[in-house]
PDB file of N, CA and C in Angstrom:
ATOM      1  N   MET A   1      14.029 -16.872 -43.516  1.00  0.00           N
ATOM      2  CA  MET A   1      15.294 -17.025 -42.914  1.00  0.00           C
ATOM      3  C   MET A   1      16.409 -17.265 -43.376  1.00  0.00           C
ATOM      4  N   TYR A   2      17.545 -16.873 -42.919  1.00  0.00           N
ATOM      5  CA  TYR A   2      18.472 -16.798 -44.044  1.00  0.00           C
ATOM      6  C   TYR A   2      19.873 -17.850 -42.722  1.00  0.00           C
ATOM      7  N   VAL A   3      19.869 -19.239 -43.387  1.00  0.00           N
ATOM      8  CA  VAL A   3      21.301 -19.876 -43.055  1.00  0.00           C
ATOM      9  C   VAL A   3      21.874 -19.863 -43.328  1.00  0.00           C
ATOM     10  N   SER A   4      23.258 -19.572 -42.767  1.00  0.00           N
ATOM     11  CA  SER A   4      25.308 -19.496 -43.370  1.00  0.00           C
ATOM     12  C   SER A   4      24.842 -21.144 -43.527  1.00  0.00           C
ATOM     13  N   THR A   5      25.673 -21.423 -44.681  1.00  0.00           N
ATOM     14  CA  THR A   5      26.726 -22.525 -44.905  1.00  0.00           C
ATOM     15  C   THR A   5      27.854 -22.405 -44.421  1.00  0.00           C
ATOM     16  N   ASN A   6      28.286 -21.306 -44.012  1.00  0.00           N
ATOM     17  CA  ASN A   6      29.529 -20.634 -43.591  1.00  0.00           C
ATOM     18  C   ASN A   6      29.645 -22.003 -42.122  1.00  0.00           C
ATOM     19  N   PRO A   7      30.898 -22.697 -42.022  1.00  0.00           N
ATOM     20  CA  PRO A   7      31.186 -23.174 -40.732  1.00  0.00           C
ATOM     21  C   PRO A   7      31.382 -22.857 -40.030  1.00  0.00           C
ATOM     22  N   HIS A   8      32.592 -21.851 -40.928  1.00  0.00           N
ATOM     23  CA  HIS A   8      33.835 -20.775 -39.552  1.00  0.00           C
ATOM     24  C   HIS A   8      32.834 -19.821 -39.080  1.00  0.00           C
ATOM     25  N   ARG A   9      31.621 -19.750 -39.552  1.00  0.00           N
ATOM     26  CA  ARG A   9      31.028 -18.524 -38.903  1.00  0.00           C
ATOM     27  C   ARG A   9      30.063 -18.414 -37.524  1.00  0.00           C
ATOM     28  N   ARG A  10      30.388 -17.702 -36.736  1.00  0.00           N
ATOM     29  CA  ARG A  10      30.099 -18.045 -35.428  1.00  0.00           C
ATOM     30  C   ARG A  10      28.916 -17.666 -34.815  1.00  0.00           C
ATOM     31  N   ARG A  11      28.479 -18.520 -34.405  1.00  0.00           N
ATOM     32  CA  ARG A  11      26.777 -18.068 -33.822  1.00  0.00           C
ATOM     33  C   ARG A  11      26.660 -16.856 -32.797  1.00  0.00           C
ATOM     34  N   LYS A  12      25.953 -16.061 -32.931  1.00  0.00           N
ATOM     35  CA  LYS A  12      26.041 -14.597 -31.989  1.00  0.00           C
ATOM     36  C   LYS A  12      26.019 -15.368 -30.429  1.00  0.00           C
ATOM     37  N   GLU A  13      26.728 -14.547 -29.729  1.00  0.00           N
ATOM     38  CA  GLU A  13      26.239 -15.067 -28.442  1.00  0.00           C
ATOM     39  C   GLU A  13      24.565 -13.759 -27.699  1.00  0.00           C
ATOM     40  N   PRO A  14      23.955 -14.005 -26.992  1.00  0.00           N
ATOM     41  CA  PRO A  14      23.296 -13.702 -25.953  1.00  0.00           C
ATOM     42  C   PRO A  14      23.793 -12.061 -25.446  1.00  0.00           C
ATOM     43  N   LEU A  15      23.477 -11.246 -25.189  1.00  0.00           N
ATOM     44  CA  LEU A  15      23.976 -10.035 -24.858  1.00  0.00           C
ATOM     45  C   LEU A  15      24.067 -10.265 -23.267  1.00  0.00           C
ATOM     46  N   MET A  16      25.275 -10.128 -22.718  1.00  0.00           N
ATOM     47  CA  MET A  16      25.383  -9.895 -21.307  1.00  0.00           C
ATOM     48  C   MET A  16      24.121  -8.690 -20.357  1.00  0.00           C
ATOM     49  N   ILE A  17      23.595  -7.586 -21.058  1.00  0.00           N
ATOM     50  CA  ILE A  17      22.943  -7.243 -20.424  1.00  0.00           C
ATOM     51  C   ILE A  17      21.262  -7.586 -20.324  1.00  0.00           C
ATOM     52  N   GLY A  18      21.298  -8.429 -20.980  1.00  0.00           N
ATOM     53  CA  GLY A  18      19.784  -9.364 -21.739  1.00  0.00           C
ATOM     54  C   GLY A  18      19.682 -10.001 -20.698  1.00  0.00           C
ATOM     55  N   GLN A  19      20.480 -11.248 -20.109  1.00  0.00           N
ATOM     56  CA  GLN A  19      20.780 -11.889 -18.822  1.00  0.00           C
ATOM     57  C   GLN A  19      20.975 -11.192 -17.594  1.00  0.00           C
ATOM     58  N   ILE A  20      21.102 -10.352 -17.564  1.00  0.00           N
ATOM     59  CA  ILE A  20      21.030  -9.162 -16.308  1.00  0.00           C
ATOM     60  C   ILE A  20      19.706  -8.716 -15.563  1.00  0.00           C
ATOM     61  N   PHE A  21      19.199  -8.477 -16.780  1.00  0.00           N
ATOM     62  CA  PHE A  21      18.174  -7.774 -16.857  1.00  0.00           C
ATOM     63  C   PHE A  21      16.373  -9.296 -16.723  1.00  0.00           C
ATOM     64  N   ALA A  22      17.387 -10.029 -17.182  1.00  0.00           N
ATOM     65  CA  ALA A  22      16.043 -12.019 -17.329  1.00  0.00           C
ATOM     66  C   ALA A  22      16.740 -12.152 -15.515  1.00  0.00           C
ATOM     67  N   ALA A  23      17.448 -11.489 -15.161  1.00  0.00           N
ATOM     68  CA  ALA A  23      18.047 -11.934 -13.743  1.00  0.00           C
ATOM     69  C   ALA A  23      16.854 -11.410 -12.894  1.00  0.00           C
ATOM     70  N   LEU A  24      16.909  -9.688 -13.093  1.00  0.00           N
ATOM     71  CA  LEU A  24      16.587  -9.127 -12.140  1.00  0.00           C
ATOM     72  C   LEU A  24      15.430  -8.910 -12.461  1.00  0.00           C
ATOM     73  N   GLY A  25      14.439  -9.347 -13.282  1.00  0.00           N
ATOM     74  CA  GLY A  25      13.188  -9.882 -13.210  1.00  0.00           C
ATOM     75  C   GLY A  25      12.847 -10.918 -12.565  1.00  0.00           C
ATOM     76  N   LEU A  26      13.420 -11.796 -12.651  1.00  0.00           N
ATOM     77  CA  LEU A  26      13.419 -12.879 -11.598  1.00  0.00           C
ATOM     78  C   LEU A  26      13.264 -12.700 -10.196  1.00  0.00           C
ATOM     79  N   VAL A  27      14.317 -11.836  -9.883  1.00  0.00           N
ATOM     80  CA  VAL A  27      14.601 -11.818  -7.830  1.00  0.00           C
ATOM     81  C   VAL A  27      13.056 -10.493  -8.300  1.00  0.00           C
ATOM     82  N   MET A  28      13.025  -9.484  -8.872  1.00  0.00           N
ATOM     83  CA  MET A  28      12.109  -8.709  -8.677  1.00  0.00           C
ATOM     84  C   MET A  28      10.483  -9.637  -8.753  1.00  0.00           C
ATOM     85  N   PHE A  29      10.624 -10.381  -9.026  1.00  0.00           N
ATOM     86  CA  PHE A  29       8.910 -11.560  -9.281  1.00  0.00           C
ATOM     87  C   PHE A  29       9.203 -11.932  -8.339  1.00  0.00           C
ATOM     88  N   TYR A  30      10.246 -12.241  -7.186  1.00  0.00           N
ATOM     89  CA  TYR A  30      10.399 -13.266  -5.992  1.00  0.00           C
ATOM     90  C   TYR A  30       9.784 -12.436  -5.292  1.00  0.00           C
ATOM     91  N   ILE A  31      10.423 -11.166  -5.010  1.00  0.00           N
ATOM     92  CA  ILE A  31      10.262  -9.941  -3.867  1.00  0.00           C
ATOM     93  C   ILE A  31       8.675  -9.488  -3.631  1.00  0.00           C
ATOM     94  N   ILE A  32       8.465  -9.605  -5.207  1.00  0.00           N
ATOM     95  CA  ILE A  32       6.583  -9.084  -4.950  1.00  0.00           C
ATOM     96  C   ILE A  32       6.148 -10.415  -4.122  1.00  0.00           C
ATOM     97  N   THR A  33       5.938 -11.543  -4.805  1.00  0.00           N
ATOM     98  CA  THR A  33       5.402 -12.386  -5.072  1.00  0.00           C
ATOM     99  C   THR A  33       5.882 -13.056  -3.582  1.00  0.00           C
ATOM    100  N   GLY A  34       6.846 -13.184  -2.858  1.00  0.00           N
ATOM    101  CA  GLY A  34       7.334 -13.997  -2.180  1.00  0.00           C
ATOM    102  C   GLY A  34       7.128 -12.957  -0.665  1.00  0.00           C
ATOM    103  N   PHE A  35       7.623 -11.650  -0.652  1.00  0.00           N
ATOM    104  CA  PHE A  35       7.652 -11.046   0.632  1.00  0.00           C
ATOM    105  C   PHE A  35       6.667 -10.013   0.676  1.00  0.00           C
ATOM    106  N   GLY A  36       6.330  -9.537  -0.524  1.00  0.00           N
ATOM    107  CA  GLY A  36       4.481  -8.693  -0.598  1.00  0.00           C
ATOM    108  C   GLY A  36       3.322  -9.797   0.596  1.00  0.00           C
ATOM    109  N   PRO A  37       2.471 -10.421   0.312  1.00  0.00           N
ATOM    110  CA  PRO A  37       1.918 -11.263   1.433  1.00  0.00           C
ATOM    111  C   PRO A  37       2.585 -11.199   2.810  1.00  0.00           C
ATOM    112  N   GLY A  38       3.934 -11.678   2.912  1.00  0.00           N
ATOM    113  CA  GLY A  38       4.476 -11.471   4.168  1.00  0.00           C
ATOM    114  C   GLY A  38       4.347 -10.269   4.974  1.00  0.00           C
ATOM    115  N   ILE A  39       4.746  -8.832   4.379  1.00  0.00           N
ATOM    116  CA  ILE A  39       4.552  -7.637   4.579  1.00  0.00           C
ATOM    117  C   ILE A  39       3.606  -7.189   5.036  1.00  0.00           C
ATOM    118  N   ILE A  40       2.645  -7.794   4.116  1.00  0.00           N
ATOM    119  CA  ILE A  40       1.012  -6.744   4.616  1.00  0.00           C
ATOM    120  C   ILE A  40       0.268  -7.397   5.783  1.00  0.00           C
ATOM    121  N   ALA A  41       0.868  -9.519   5.912  1.00  0.00           N
ATOM    122  CA  ALA A  41      -0.084  -9.666   7.278  1.00  0.00           C
ATOM    123  C   ALA A  41       1.443  -9.268   8.160  1.00  0.00           C
ATOM    124  N   GLY A  42       2.693  -9.201   7.858  1.00  0.00           N
ATOM    125  CA  GLY A  42       3.167  -8.428   9.327  1.00  0.00           C
ATOM    126  C   GLY A  42       2.483  -6.871   9.509  1.00  0.00           C
ATOM    127  N   PHE A  43       2.293  -5.970   8.791  1.00  0.00           N
ATOM    128  CA  PHE A  43       1.341  -4.811   8.766  1.00  0.00           C
ATOM    129  C   PHE A  43      -0.131  -4.885   9.751  1.00  0.00           C
ATOM    130  N   LEU A  44      -0.826  -5.519   9.489  1.00  0.00           N
ATOM    131  CA  LEU A  44      -1.614  -6.135   9.760  1.00  0.00           C
ATOM    132  C   LEU A  44      -2.241  -6.766  11.787  1.00  0.00           C
ATOM    133  N   LEU A  45      -0.749  -7.733  11.243  1.00  0.00           N
ATOM    134  CA  LEU A  45      -0.439  -8.323  12.772  1.00  0.00           C
ATOM    135  C   LEU A  45       0.175  -6.814  14.038  1.00  0.00           C
ATOM    136  N   ALA A  46       0.983  -5.929  13.097  1.00  0.00           N
ATOM    137  CA  ALA A  46       1.511  -5.023  14.205  1.00  0.00           C
ATOM    138  C   ALA A  46       0.398  -4.493  14.595  1.00  0.00           C
ATOM    139  N   ASN A  47      -0.651  -3.874  13.607  1.00  0.00           N
ATOM    140  CA  ASN A  47      -1.832  -2.976  14.257  1.00  0.00           C
ATOM    141  C   ASN A  47      -2.271  -3.417  14.993  1.00  0.00           C
ATOM    142  N   SER A  48      -2.676  -4.839  14.645  1.00  0.00           N
ATOM    143  CA  SER A  48      -3.797  -5.685  15.610  1.00  0.00           C
ATOM    144  C   SER A  48      -3.179  -5.837  17.060  1.00  0.00           C
ATOM    145  N   ILE A  49      -2.225  -6.207  17.218  1.00  0.00           N
ATOM    146  CA  ILE A  49      -0.866  -6.265  18.763  1.00  0.00           C
ATOM    147  C   ILE A  49      -1.031  -4.803  18.890  1.00  0.00           C
ATOM    148  N   GLY A  50      -0.700  -3.568  18.028  1.00  0.00           N
ATOM    149  CA  GLY A  50       0.141  -2.142  18.615  1.00  0.00           C
ATOM    150  C   GLY A  50      -0.907  -1.382  19.333  1.00  0.00           C
ATOM    151  N   GLY A  51      -2.069  -1.595  18.369  1.00  0.00           N
ATOM    152  CA  GLY A  51      -3.380  -0.881  18.777  1.00  0.00           C
ATOM    153  C   GLY A  51      -4.103  -0.908  19.322  1.00  0.00           C
ATOM    154  N   ARG A  52      -4.078  -2.140  20.326  1.00  0.00           N
ATOM    155  CA  ARG A  52      -5.559  -2.591  20.880  1.00  0.00           C
ATOM    156  C   ARG A  52      -5.915  -1.701  22.226  1.00  0.00           C
ATOM    157  N   ASP A  53      -5.152  -0.673  23.102  1.00  0.00           N
ATOM    158  CA  ASP A  53      -5.673  -0.140  23.444  1.00  0.00           C
ATOM    159  C   ASP A  53      -6.273   1.399  22.912  1.00  0.00           C
ATOM    160  N   PHE A  54      -5.505   1.750  21.631  1.00  0.00           N
ATOM    161  CA  PHE A  54      -5.824   3.377  21.021  1.00  0.00           C
ATOM    162  C   PHE A  54      -7.692   2.964  20.861  1.00  0.00           C
ATOM    163  N   GLU A  55      -8.198   4.115  20.254  1.00  0.00           N
ATOM    164  CA  GLU A  55      -9.583   4.222  20.371  1.00  0.00           C
ATOM    165  C   GLU A  55      -9.738   4.758  18.597  1.00  0.00           C
ATOM    166  N   ARG A  56     -10.397   3.629  17.914  1.00  0.00           N
ATOM    167  CA  ARG A  56     -10.505   3.308  16.834  1.00  0.00           C
ATOM    168  C   ARG A  56     -10.786   4.626  16.134  1.00  0.00           C
ATOM    169  N   GLN A  57     -10.920   4.325  15.096  1.00  0.00           N
ATOM    170  CA  GLN A  57     -10.747   6.065  13.471  1.00  0.00           C
ATOM    171  C   GLN A  57     -11.416   5.882  13.199  1.00  0.00           C
ATOM    172  N   HIS A  58     -12.934   5.022  13.319  1.00  0.00           N
ATOM    173  CA  HIS A  58     -14.417   5.845  13.299  1.00  0.00           C
ATOM    174  C   HIS A  58     -15.139   6.354  14.402  1.00  0.00           C
ATOM    175  N   HIS A  59     -14.566   5.936  16.275  1.00  0.00           N
ATOM    176  CA  HIS A  59     -14.910   6.507  16.869  1.00  0.00           C
ATOM    177  C   HIS A  59     -15.341   7.256  16.950  1.00  0.00           C
ATOM    178  N   ARG A  60     -13.655   8.254  16.948  1.00  0.00           N
ATOM    179  CA  ARG A  60     -13.290   9.393  17.148  1.00  0.00           C
ATOM    180  C   ARG A  60     -13.856  10.064  15.983  1.00  0.00           C
ATOM    181  N   ILE A  61     -13.708   9.356  14.561  1.00  0.00           N
ATOM    182  CA  ILE A  61     -14.763  10.618  13.765  1.00  0.00           C
ATOM    183  C   ILE A  61     -16.641  10.914  13.902  1.00  0.00           C
ATOM    184  N   GLU A  62     -16.741   9.894  14.762  1.00  0.00           N
ATOM    185  CA  GLU A  62     -18.067  10.072  15.643  1.00  0.00           C
ATOM    186  C   GLU A  62     -17.939  10.709  16.912  1.00  0.00           C
ATOM    187  N   LYS A  63     -16.982  10.802  17.099  1.00  0.00           N
ATOM    188  CA  LYS A  63     -16.785  11.314  18.678  1.00  0.00           C
ATOM    189  C   LYS A  63     -16.575  13.500  18.085  1.00  0.00           C
ATOM    190  N   ALA A  64     -16.188  13.412  16.715  1.00  0.00           N
ATOM    191  CA  ALA A  64     -15.713  14.511  16.768  1.00  0.00           C
ATOM    192  C   ALA A  64     -17.251  15.372  16.248  1.00  0.00           C
ATOM    193  N   ALA A  65     -18.083  14.403  15.520  1.00  0.00           N
ATOM    194  CA  ALA A  65     -19.192  14.500  14.753  1.00  0.00           C
ATOM    195  C   ALA A  65     -20.478  15.268  15.790  1.00  0.00           C
ATOM    196  N   ARG A  66     -20.228  14.593  17.041  1.00  0.00           N
ATOM    197  CA  ARG A  66     -21.702  15.198  18.067  1.00  0.00           C
ATOM    198  C   ARG A  66     -20.672  16.261  18.641  1.00  0.00           C
ATOM    199  N   GLN A  67     -19.477  16.150  18.365  1.00  0.00           N
ATOM    200  CA  GLN A  67     -19.032  17.671  19.308  1.00  0.00           C
ATOM    201  C   GLN A  67     -19.408  18.375  18.921  1.00  0.00           C
ATOM    202  N   ALA A  68     -19.191  18.912  17.256  1.00  0.00           N
ATOM    203  CA  ALA A  68     -19.694  19.638  16.718  1.00  0.00           C
ATOM    204  C   ALA A  68     -21.217  19.888  16.390  1.00  0.00           C
ATOM    205  N   GLY A  69     -21.704  18.723  15.991  1.00  0.00           N
ATOM    206  CA  GLY A  69     -22.738  18.922  16.351  1.00  0.00           C
ATOM    207  C   GLY A  69     -23.784  20.159  17.839  1.00  0.00           C
ATOM    208  N   GLU A  70     -23.196  19.462  18.889  1.00  0.00           N
ATOM    209  CA  GLU A  70     -23.089  19.951  20.106  1.00  0.00           C
ATOM    210  C   GLU A  70     -22.669  21.490  20.307  1.00  0.00           C
ATOM    211  N   HIS A  71     -21.749  22.090  19.856  1.00  0.00           N
ATOM    212  CA  HIS A  71     -20.634  23.641  19.504  1.00  0.00           C
ATOM    213  C   HIS A  71     -21.891  24.026  18.660  1.00  0.00           C
ATOM    214  N   ASN A  72     -21.899  23.519  17.301  1.00  0.00           N
ATOM    215  CA  ASN A  72     -22.774  24.157  16.546  1.00  0.00           C
ATOM    216  C   ASN A  72     -24.574  24.243  17.118  1.00  0.00           C
ATOM    217  N   ALA A  73     -25.215  23.681  17.471  1.00  0.00           N
ATOM    218  CA  ALA A  73     -26.317  23.563  18.501  1.00  0.00           C
ATOM    219  C   ALA A  73     -26.585  25.143  18.961  1.00  0.00           C
ATOM    220  N   GLN A  74     -25.623  25.458  19.858  1.00  0.00           N
ATOM    221  CA  GLN A  74     -25.759  26.950  20.725  1.00  0.00           C
ATOM    222  C   GLN A  74     -26.482  28.334  19.783  1.00  0.00           C
ATOM    223  N   TRP A  75     -26.061  28.410  18.354  1.00  0.00           N
ATOM    224  CA  TRP A  75     -25.320  29.288  17.781  1.00  0.00           C
ATOM    225  C   TRP A  75     -27.050  28.949  16.915  1.00  0.00           C
ATOM    226  N   ASN A  76     -27.644  27.701  17.285  1.00  0.00           N
ATOM    227  CA  ASN A  76     -29.302  28.053  16.576  1.00  0.00           C
ATOM    228  C   ASN A  76     -30.396  29.191  17.762  1.00  0.00           C
ATOM    229  N   PRO A  77     -31.200  29.741  17.090  1.00  0.00           N
ATOM    230  CA  PRO A  77     -31.903  30.863  17.631  1.00  0.00           C
ATOM    231  C   PRO A  77     -32.580  30.237  18.820  1.00  0.00           C
ATOM    232  N   GLU A  78     -33.230  29.081  18.071  1.00  0.00           N
ATOM    233  CA  GLU A  78     -34.423  28.276  19.222  1.00  0.00           C
ATOM    234  C   GLU A  78     -33.669  28.273  20.734  1.00  0.00           C
ATOM    235  N   HIS A  79     -32.030  27.879  21.002  1.00  0.00           N
ATOM    236  CA  HIS A  79     -30.867  27.018  21.852  1.00  0.00           C
ATOM    237  C   HIS A  79     -31.771  28.270  22.841  1.00  0.00           C
ATOM    238  N   GLU A  80     -31.976  26.896  24.218  1.00  0.00           N
ATOM    239  CA  GLU A  80     -31.948  28.308  25.554  1.00  0.00           C
ATOM    240  C   GLU A  80     -30.919  29.031  25.934  1.00  0.00           C
ATOM    241  N   ARG A  81     -29.807  29.167  25.365  1.00  0.00           N
ATOM    242  CA  ARG A  81     -29.334  30.086  25.367  1.00  0.00           C
ATOM    243  C   ARG A  81     -29.742  31.386  25.139  1.00  0.00           C
ATOM    244  N   TRP A  82     -29.929  31.500  23.620  1.00  0.00           N
ATOM    245  CA  TRP A  82     -30.881  32.490  23.389  1.00  0.00           C
ATOM    246  C   TRP A  82     -32.026  32.684  24.235  1.00  0.00           C
ATOM    247  N   GLN A  83     -32.616  32.002  24.664  1.00  0.00           N
ATOM    248  CA  GLN A  83     -34.408  31.990  25.428  1.00  0.00           C
ATOM    249  C   GLN A  83     -34.300  32.865  26.552  1.00  0.00           C
ATOM    250  N   ARG A  84     -33.280  33.488  27.010  1.00  0.00           N
ATOM    251  CA  ARG A  84     -33.169  34.394  28.355  1.00  0.00           C
ATOM    252  C   ARG A  84     -33.620  35.669  27.803  1.00  0.00           C
TER     253      ARG A  84
END
């Protein structure tokens, strides 16, 4: 490492852009760690409050599968429709 013995040599100041990026990095870190859990908790709370009277997704899927099974069963040659 080179050390100057010249007393008039100015020390290099850190670049302003580096300080800006460091500050933005801290702000982003705060946003992610501070607001992230709050946003997730807000979504969960809104879904639990706002979705009380609505049918759940897995119930809709089960009902659709049951209806599809009934619909497809009518094309089976052993179905009562074809036994007439």
